Amino acid sequence: MKKPRKYIRHNYNCTSYMKFGKRYCPSHYIKMQDMDAIVLEDIRSLAQLVVEDEEKAKAEFLARKAKHHEEQYSVDTKKLTEGRYRLQEFDTLIQNIYEDKVLGKVSEDVAMKLIAKYETEQKALTAEVADLEEKFSTIRQDEEDVEMFMERLRKYTDVQELTREMCLELIEYITLDAYIEGQPREIYIYYKLLDEPLKDKRSLF
């Protein structure tokens, strides 16, 4: 009599449960084949969007990236404009004080105090403007990131299987909602070049 064939099932298990047991987190898992199918379908749908309507895909991807900093965008734009203008004013003010001192319109003591005050403000504002300009350079980087992400996606329009290469090239990380009986579970796929990377990836383990 033949022994029944054994099947190996691969699952993704909750790491909190694996580490700390049921008292810390109820046991929940998802079959590897189910997860792979979901991720593969999402990649194919994004790739198909790029092929069918590149401009629409680009707009959607840029909007997805922009959500990380769009709330501050208008505020920072105004602050940067005002900061650059004020820095120009400081140069003029300091130059005028030097001229007034030479002409004897203000005493040297008063002039030096005013110059020290303006230079302190100028130094602080210069640092603030530099920080704002760095933020805007990050925003400009978004378009380059999206172009690169779309170029990667184009290779996977007709892919039939999720591979390690695809995951390494496209995916930053994936999270899965905890299991609650009777409720659907959400899977979140975070893509490289599109989504913010984790500051500490150890938080996933």
Protein backbone atom coordinates (compact mmCIF):
# COMPACT_ATOMS: atom_id res chain seq x y z
CA MET A 1 0.00 0.00 0.00
CA LYS A 2 1.37 3.39 -1.03
CA LYS A 3 1.78 6.04 1.58
CA PRO A 4 -0.21 9.20 0.98
CA ARG A 5 1.82 11.88 -0.77
CA LYS A 6 2.95 14.73 1.43
CA TYR A 7 2.54 18.27 0.23
CA ILE A 8 4.69 21.10 1.52
CA ARG A 9 2.76 24.30 2.05
CA HIS A 10 4.61 27.57 2.27
CA ASN A 11 3.09 30.38 4.29
CA TYR A 12 3.97 33.86 5.49
CA ASN A 13 3.43 33.98 9.24
CA CYS A 14 3.01 36.94 11.55
CA THR A 15 6.42 37.63 13.11
CA SER A 16 4.89 38.92 16.33
CA TYR A 17 3.13 35.59 16.79
CA MET A 18 6.26 33.65 15.89
CA LYS A 19 8.32 35.59 18.45
CA PHE A 20 5.90 36.11 21.33
CA GLY A 21 3.04 33.64 20.89
CA LYS A 22 -0.74 33.95 21.06
CA ARG A 23 -0.77 36.15 24.15
CA TYR A 24 0.91 38.93 22.19
CA CYS A 25 -0.74 38.43 18.80
CA PRO A 26 -3.34 35.98 17.43
CA SER A 27 -1.89 33.51 14.96
CA HIS A 28 -2.42 34.60 11.37
CA TYR A 29 -0.74 33.83 8.09
CA ILE A 30 -1.22 33.98 4.35
CA LYS A 31 -0.32 31.32 1.82
CA MET A 32 2.77 32.17 -0.20
CA GLN A 33 1.01 31.34 -3.46
CA ASP A 34 -1.83 33.73 -2.60
CA MET A 35 0.56 36.54 -1.72
CA ASP A 36 2.61 35.94 -4.87
CA ALA A 37 -0.53 36.04 -7.01
CA ILE A 38 -1.67 39.33 -5.49
CA VAL A 39 1.72 41.01 -5.88
CA LEU A 40 2.13 39.71 -9.44
CA GLU A 41 -1.29 41.01 -10.44
CA ASP A 42 -0.55 44.43 -9.00
CA ILE A 43 2.76 44.67 -10.86
CA ARG A 44 1.13 43.60 -14.12
CA SER A 45 -1.67 46.13 -13.73
CA LEU A 46 0.81 48.96 -13.14
CA ALA A 47 2.91 47.85 -16.09
CA GLN A 48 -0.17 47.68 -18.30
CA LEU A 49 -1.14 51.21 -17.29
CA VAL A 50 2.30 52.44 -18.37
CA VAL A 51 1.94 50.76 -21.76
CA GLU A 52 -1.64 51.88 -22.40
CA ASP A 53 -1.44 55.47 -21.12
CA GLU A 54 2.02 56.66 -20.18
CA GLU A 55 0.95 60.21 -19.28
CA LYS A 56 -1.82 58.99 -17.00
CA ALA A 57 0.55 56.54 -15.32
CA LYS A 58 3.15 59.25 -14.80
CA ALA A 59 0.56 61.60 -13.28
CA GLU A 60 -0.70 58.90 -10.90
CA PHE A 61 2.80 57.91 -9.81
CA LEU A 62 3.84 61.52 -9.27
CA ALA A 63 0.72 62.12 -7.20
CA ARG A 64 1.55 59.03 -5.13
CA LYS A 65 5.05 60.36 -4.45
CA ALA A 66 3.88 63.92 -3.87
CA LYS A 67 1.62 62.95 -0.98
CA HIS A 68 4.73 62.67 1.18
CA HIS A 69 5.43 66.39 0.96
CA GLU A 70 2.52 68.14 -0.79
CA GLU A 71 1.05 69.49 2.46
CA GLN A 72 4.10 71.68 3.00
CA TYR A 73 4.69 72.54 -0.65
CA SER A 74 2.71 75.79 -0.86
CA VAL A 75 3.92 76.97 2.55
CA ASP A 76 7.55 76.25 1.71
CA THR A 77 7.25 77.96 -1.68
CA LYS A 78 6.18 81.19 -0.02
CA LYS A 79 8.86 80.93 2.67
CA LEU A 80 11.57 80.29 0.09
CA THR A 81 10.55 83.28 -2.03
CA GLU A 82 10.39 85.57 0.99
CA GLY A 83 13.68 84.21 2.35
CA ARG A 84 15.59 84.85 -0.89
CA TYR A 85 14.20 88.40 -1.06
CA ARG A 86 15.10 89.10 2.56
CA LEU A 87 18.68 87.91 2.02
CA GLN A 88 19.04 90.46 -0.76
CA GLU A 89 17.72 93.11 1.62
CA PHE A 90 20.33 92.20 4.24
CA ASP A 91 23.15 92.82 1.77
CA THR A 92 21.76 96.26 1.02
CA LEU A 93 21.12 97.12 4.68
CA ILE A 94 24.62 96.13 5.79
CA GLN A 95 26.19 98.05 2.92
CA ASN A 96 24.14 101.17 3.78
CA ILE A 97 25.19 101.03 7.43
CA TYR A 98 28.86 100.88 6.45
CA GLU A 99 28.35 103.91 4.22
CA ASP A 100 26.47 105.82 6.93
CA LYS A 101 29.27 105.05 9.39
CA VAL A 102 31.90 106.36 6.97
CA LEU A 103 29.85 109.51 6.35
CA GLY A 104 29.36 110.01 10.07
CA LYS A 105 25.60 109.64 9.95
CA VAL A 106 25.70 106.96 12.67
CA SER A 107 28.28 106.32 15.35
CA GLU A 108 30.66 103.38 15.00
CA ASP A 109 29.17 101.71 18.11
CA VAL A 110 25.62 101.86 16.75
CA ALA A 111 26.75 100.78 13.30
CA MET A 112 28.62 97.73 14.56
CA LYS A 113 25.67 96.64 16.71
CA LEU A 114 23.29 96.91 13.75
CA ILE A 115 25.69 95.06 11.48
CA ALA A 116 26.14 92.27 14.05
CA LYS A 117 22.34 91.99 14.40
CA TYR A 118 21.76 91.81 10.65
CA GLU A 119 24.58 89.34 10.12
CA THR A 120 23.16 87.02 12.81
CA GLU A 121 19.72 87.13 11.17
CA GLN A 122 21.32 86.70 7.76
CA LYS A 123 23.21 83.58 8.86
CA ALA A 124 20.07 81.97 10.31
CA LEU A 125 18.02 82.81 7.22
CA THR A 126 20.73 81.50 4.89
CA ALA A 127 20.57 78.13 6.65
CA GLU A 128 16.76 78.10 6.43
CA VAL A 129 16.80 78.92 2.70
CA ALA A 130 19.38 76.18 2.10
CA ASP A 131 17.10 73.65 3.84
CA LEU A 132 14.13 74.75 1.74
CA GLU A 133 16.13 74.52 -1.47
CA GLU A 134 17.14 70.98 -0.52
CA LYS A 135 13.45 70.11 -0.07
CA PHE A 136 12.66 71.40 -3.54
CA SER A 137 15.53 69.46 -5.05
CA THR A 138 13.90 66.36 -3.52
CA ILE A 139 10.62 67.27 -5.18
CA ARG A 140 12.36 67.68 -8.53
CA GLN A 141 13.90 64.25 -8.00
CA ASP A 142 10.38 62.76 -7.95
CA GLU A 143 10.01 63.02 -11.71
CA GLU A 144 13.30 61.24 -12.32
CA ASP A 145 12.31 58.49 -9.88
CA VAL A 146 8.96 58.01 -11.62
CA GLU A 147 10.61 57.80 -15.04
CA MET A 148 12.98 55.11 -13.75
CA PHE A 149 10.13 53.20 -12.08
CA MET A 150 8.12 53.23 -15.32
CA GLU A 151 11.14 52.00 -17.26
CA ARG A 152 11.46 49.06 -14.89
CA LEU A 153 7.75 48.26 -15.14
CA ARG A 154 7.83 48.06 -18.92
CA LYS A 155 9.83 44.84 -18.66
CA TYR A 156 7.05 43.07 -16.77
CA THR A 157 3.92 43.72 -18.84
CA ASP A 158 3.44 40.07 -19.83
CA VAL A 159 5.24 38.36 -16.96
CA GLN A 160 3.57 35.15 -15.78
CA GLU A 161 5.48 34.44 -12.59
CA LEU A 162 6.71 36.50 -9.66
CA THR A 163 10.47 36.18 -9.48
CA ARG A 164 13.12 37.18 -6.99
CA GLU A 165 14.58 39.58 -9.56
CA MET A 166 11.25 41.39 -9.89
CA CYS A 167 10.87 41.75 -6.14
CA LEU A 168 14.40 43.08 -5.67
CA GLU A 169 14.00 45.57 -8.50
CA LEU A 170 10.49 46.83 -7.75
CA ILE A 171 9.41 46.19 -4.18
CA GLU A 172 10.53 48.07 -1.10
CA TYR A 173 8.42 46.09 1.38
CA ILE A 174 4.93 44.64 1.89
CA THR A 175 2.65 44.78 4.91
CA LEU A 176 -0.46 42.78 5.72
CA ASP A 177 -3.24 43.73 8.10
CA ALA A 178 -3.81 41.52 11.11
CA TYR A 179 -6.38 38.77 10.82
CA ILE A 180 -9.82 39.62 12.19
CA GLU A 181 -12.45 36.98 11.74
CA GLY A 182 -15.11 37.95 9.24
CA GLN A 183 -13.24 40.99 7.93
CA PRO A 184 -11.20 41.38 4.73
CA ARG A 185 -7.47 41.88 5.12
CA GLU A 186 -5.63 44.66 3.32
CA ILE A 187 -2.26 44.08 1.69
CA TYR A 188 -0.07 47.12 1.13
CA ILE A 189 2.68 46.97 -1.48
CA TYR A 190 5.34 49.67 -1.23
CA TYR A 191 7.43 50.13 -4.35
CA LYS A 192 11.01 51.31 -4.76
CA LEU A 193 11.35 54.78 -6.29
CA LEU A 194 7.63 55.36 -5.65
CA ASP A 195 7.03 55.01 -1.91
CA GLU A 196 8.96 56.16 1.12
CA PRO A 197 11.41 53.52 2.36
CA LEU A 198 11.28 52.40 5.97
CA LYS A 199 13.59 54.34 8.24
CA ASP A 200 14.20 51.17 10.21
CA LYS A 201 13.42 47.93 8.38
CA ARG A 202 13.94 46.00 11.61
CA SER A 203 10.49 47.22 12.62
CA LEU A 204 9.05 44.63 10.22
CA PHE A 205 10.68 41.73 12.04
